[in-house]
Amino acid sequence: MSKEQEELVDEVYNKYTTKYMGYEDIPSKDLFIFEIKTNPEFSEKWGITIEERELSLEERMGLCKEKWDYSWNRTINLEDIEWRMNNEWNIPSKLITIIYNDTKIESYE
């Protein structure tokens, strides 16, 4: 997650933990995030959604094209391009979207 996304999740998690004040066993932030991702009712209750999805090869190639002035006019060996995206160019493979109070923040990982 980006720093901005982390701050947003922290804000909601802090609101969530206030209901556990005075108890010793406060659910962890990791458990809170897991529930947000996997439990639609829990997510709706706290007004936040976290969606993660794998980027397609085409989406990754689009990001690659934006970052590097790579000549795409020649014959492309997709296996070579994919290897370079993973091992040389550090092209993200995942999109993370967080929505809270009509604020949508996307980041790549």
C-alpha atoms as a PDB file:
ATOM      1  CA  MET A   1       0.000   0.000   0.000  1.00  0.00           C
ATOM      2  CA  SER A   2       1.067   3.568  -0.564  1.00  0.00           C
ATOM      3  CA  LYS A   3       1.712   5.882   2.373  1.00  0.00           C
ATOM      4  CA  GLU A   4      -1.567   7.685   1.694  1.00  0.00           C
ATOM      5  CA  GLN A   5      -3.446   4.372   1.722  1.00  0.00           C
ATOM      6  CA  GLU A   6      -1.722   3.311   4.962  1.00  0.00           C
ATOM      7  CA  GLU A   7      -2.783   6.584   6.604  1.00  0.00           C
ATOM      8  CA  LEU A   8      -6.371   6.067   5.505  1.00  0.00           C
ATOM      9  CA  VAL A   9      -6.445   2.497   6.845  1.00  0.00           C
ATOM     10  CA  ASP A  10      -4.839   3.690  10.103  1.00  0.00           C
ATOM     11  CA  GLU A  11      -7.563   6.322  10.503  1.00  0.00           C
ATOM     12  CA  VAL A  12     -10.339   3.749  10.132  1.00  0.00           C
ATOM     13  CA  TYR A  13      -8.516   1.176  12.275  1.00  0.00           C
ATOM     14  CA  ASN A  14      -8.149   3.752  15.078  1.00  0.00           C
ATOM     15  CA  LYS A  15     -11.922   4.342  14.967  1.00  0.00           C
ATOM     16  CA  TYR A  16     -12.437   0.572  15.018  1.00  0.00           C
ATOM     17  CA  THR A  17     -10.184   0.045  18.061  1.00  0.00           C
ATOM     18  CA  THR A  18     -11.978   2.692  20.129  1.00  0.00           C
ATOM     19  CA  LYS A  19     -14.834   0.224  20.568  1.00  0.00           C
ATOM     20  CA  TYR A  20     -12.335  -2.093  22.311  1.00  0.00           C
ATOM     21  CA  MET A  21     -11.004   0.481  24.795  1.00  0.00           C
ATOM     22  CA  GLY A  22     -10.542  -1.069  28.207  1.00  0.00           C
ATOM     23  CA  TYR A  23     -10.111  -4.579  26.803  1.00  0.00           C
ATOM     24  CA  GLU A  24      -6.761  -6.326  26.670  1.00  0.00           C
ATOM     25  CA  ASP A  25      -7.398  -8.286  23.485  1.00  0.00           C
ATOM     26  CA  ILE A  26      -7.694  -5.635  20.754  1.00  0.00           C
ATOM     27  CA  PRO A  27      -7.847  -7.203  17.270  1.00  0.00           C
ATOM     28  CA  SER A  28      -4.682  -6.567  15.276  1.00  0.00           C
ATOM     29  CA  LYS A  29      -4.507  -4.241  12.307  1.00  0.00           C
ATOM     30  CA  ASP A  30      -3.709  -7.252  10.106  1.00  0.00           C
ATOM     31  CA  LEU A  31      -6.924  -8.973  11.225  1.00  0.00           C
ATOM     32  CA  PHE A  32      -8.859  -5.750  10.612  1.00  0.00           C
ATOM     33  CA  ILE A  33      -7.448  -5.504   7.058  1.00  0.00           C
ATOM     34  CA  PHE A  34      -8.191  -9.184   6.426  1.00  0.00           C
ATOM     35  CA  GLU A  35     -11.819  -8.675   7.484  1.00  0.00           C
ATOM     36  CA  ILE A  36     -12.126  -5.596   5.258  1.00  0.00           C
ATOM     37  CA  LYS A  37     -10.852  -7.585   2.267  1.00  0.00           C
ATOM     38  CA  THR A  38     -12.899 -10.734   2.843  1.00  0.00           C
ATOM     39  CA  ASN A  39     -16.080  -9.759   4.696  1.00  0.00           C
ATOM     40  CA  PRO A  40     -18.386  -7.396   2.745  1.00  0.00           C
ATOM     41  CA  GLU A  41     -20.641  -6.764   5.766  1.00  0.00           C
ATOM     42  CA  PHE A  42     -17.663  -5.786   7.930  1.00  0.00           C
ATOM     43  CA  SER A  43     -16.300  -3.613   5.135  1.00  0.00           C
ATOM     44  CA  GLU A  44     -19.646  -1.867   4.698  1.00  0.00           C
ATOM     45  CA  LYS A  45     -20.007  -1.334   8.456  1.00  0.00           C
ATOM     46  CA  TRP A  46     -16.727   0.565   8.583  1.00  0.00           C
ATOM     47  CA  GLY A  47     -17.234   2.314   5.243  1.00  0.00           C
ATOM     48  CA  ILE A  48     -13.977   1.163   3.685  1.00  0.00           C
ATOM     49  CA  THR A  49     -13.119  -1.273   0.912  1.00  0.00           C
ATOM     50  CA  ILE A  50      -9.735  -2.666  -0.032  1.00  0.00           C
ATOM     51  CA  GLU A  51      -9.471  -4.398  -3.370  1.00  0.00           C
ATOM     52  CA  GLU A  52      -6.356  -6.087  -4.701  1.00  0.00           C
ATOM     53  CA  ARG A  53      -6.060  -7.588  -8.139  1.00  0.00           C
ATOM     54  CA  GLU A  54      -3.324  -8.924 -10.362  1.00  0.00           C
ATOM     55  CA  LEU A  55      -2.563  -6.816 -13.421  1.00  0.00           C
ATOM     56  CA  SER A  56      -2.823  -8.443 -16.825  1.00  0.00           C
ATOM     57  CA  LEU A  57       0.244  -8.691 -19.029  1.00  0.00           C
ATOM     58  CA  GLU A  58      -1.231  -5.977 -21.256  1.00  0.00           C
ATOM     59  CA  GLU A  59      -1.730  -3.625 -18.282  1.00  0.00           C
ATOM     60  CA  ARG A  60       1.836  -4.252 -17.125  1.00  0.00           C
ATOM     61  CA  MET A  61       3.145  -3.601 -20.632  1.00  0.00           C
ATOM     62  CA  GLY A  62       1.234  -0.308 -20.635  1.00  0.00           C
ATOM     63  CA  LEU A  63       2.955   0.705 -17.389  1.00  0.00           C
ATOM     64  CA  CYS A  64       6.265  -0.387 -18.837  1.00  0.00           C
ATOM     65  CA  LYS A  65       5.689   1.739 -21.920  1.00  0.00           C
ATOM     66  CA  GLU A  66       4.971   4.759 -19.689  1.00  0.00           C
ATOM     67  CA  LYS A  67       8.153   4.316 -17.637  1.00  0.00           C
ATOM     68  CA  TRP A  68      10.639   3.460 -20.354  1.00  0.00           C
ATOM     69  CA  ASP A  69      10.946   4.662 -23.907  1.00  0.00           C
ATOM     70  CA  TYR A  70      11.156   1.113 -25.166  1.00  0.00           C
ATOM     71  CA  SER A  71      10.748   0.506 -28.877  1.00  0.00           C
ATOM     72  CA  TRP A  72       7.564  -1.527 -29.221  1.00  0.00           C
ATOM     73  CA  ASN A  73       7.680  -1.359 -33.021  1.00  0.00           C
ATOM     74  CA  ARG A  74       9.887  -4.399 -33.378  1.00  0.00           C
ATOM     75  CA  THR A  75       8.867  -7.994 -32.895  1.00  0.00           C
ATOM     76  CA  ILE A  76       8.160  -8.570 -29.220  1.00  0.00           C
ATOM     77  CA  ASN A  77       9.162 -11.733 -27.450  1.00  0.00           C
ATOM     78  CA  LEU A  78       6.542 -11.738 -24.675  1.00  0.00           C
ATOM     79  CA  GLU A  79       8.492 -14.120 -22.464  1.00  0.00           C
ATOM     80  CA  ASP A  80      11.509 -11.800 -22.631  1.00  0.00           C
ATOM     81  CA  ILE A  81       9.405  -8.716 -21.896  1.00  0.00           C
ATOM     82  CA  GLU A  82       7.686 -10.427 -18.960  1.00  0.00           C
ATOM     83  CA  TRP A  83      11.045 -11.567 -17.563  1.00  0.00           C
ATOM     84  CA  ARG A  84      12.402  -8.011 -17.845  1.00  0.00           C
ATOM     85  CA  MET A  85       9.291  -6.559 -16.183  1.00  0.00           C
ATOM     86  CA  ASN A  86       9.717  -8.955 -13.246  1.00  0.00           C
ATOM     87  CA  ASN A  87      13.499  -8.958 -12.896  1.00  0.00           C
ATOM     88  CA  GLU A  88      14.966  -5.789 -14.384  1.00  0.00           C
ATOM     89  CA  TRP A  89      12.367  -3.064 -14.635  1.00  0.00           C
ATOM     90  CA  ASN A  90      10.428  -3.641 -11.394  1.00  0.00           C
ATOM     91  CA  ILE A  91       7.046  -3.226 -13.088  1.00  0.00           C
ATOM     92  CA  PRO A  92       4.170  -3.671 -10.607  1.00  0.00           C
ATOM     93  CA  SER A  93       2.027  -6.781 -10.864  1.00  0.00           C
ATOM     94  CA  LYS A  94      -0.815  -5.776  -8.535  1.00  0.00           C
ATOM     95  CA  LEU A  95      -3.284  -2.889  -8.263  1.00  0.00           C
ATOM     96  CA  ILE A  96      -4.507  -1.938  -4.785  1.00  0.00           C
ATOM     97  CA  THR A  97      -7.624   0.241  -4.534  1.00  0.00           C
ATOM     98  CA  ILE A  98      -8.930   1.676  -1.270  1.00  0.00           C
ATOM     99  CA  ILE A  99     -12.237   3.527  -1.091  1.00  0.00           C
ATOM    100  CA  TYR A 100     -13.281   5.427   2.033  1.00  0.00           C
ATOM    101  CA  ASN A 101     -15.741   8.339   2.369  1.00  0.00           C
ATOM    102  CA  ASP A 102     -15.910   8.845  -1.411  1.00  0.00           C
ATOM    103  CA  THR A 103     -12.103   8.971  -1.566  1.00  0.00           C
ATOM    104  CA  LYS A 104     -10.533   6.479  -3.935  1.00  0.00           C
ATOM    105  CA  ILE A 105      -6.796   5.854  -3.801  1.00  0.00           C
ATOM    106  CA  GLU A 106      -5.040   3.491  -6.175  1.00  0.00           C
ATOM    107  CA  SER A 107      -1.476   2.260  -5.995  1.00  0.00           C
ATOM    108  CA  TYR A 108       0.622  -0.360  -7.695  1.00  0.00           C
ATOM    109  CA  GLU A 109       2.715  -3.021  -6.055  1.00  0.00           C
END
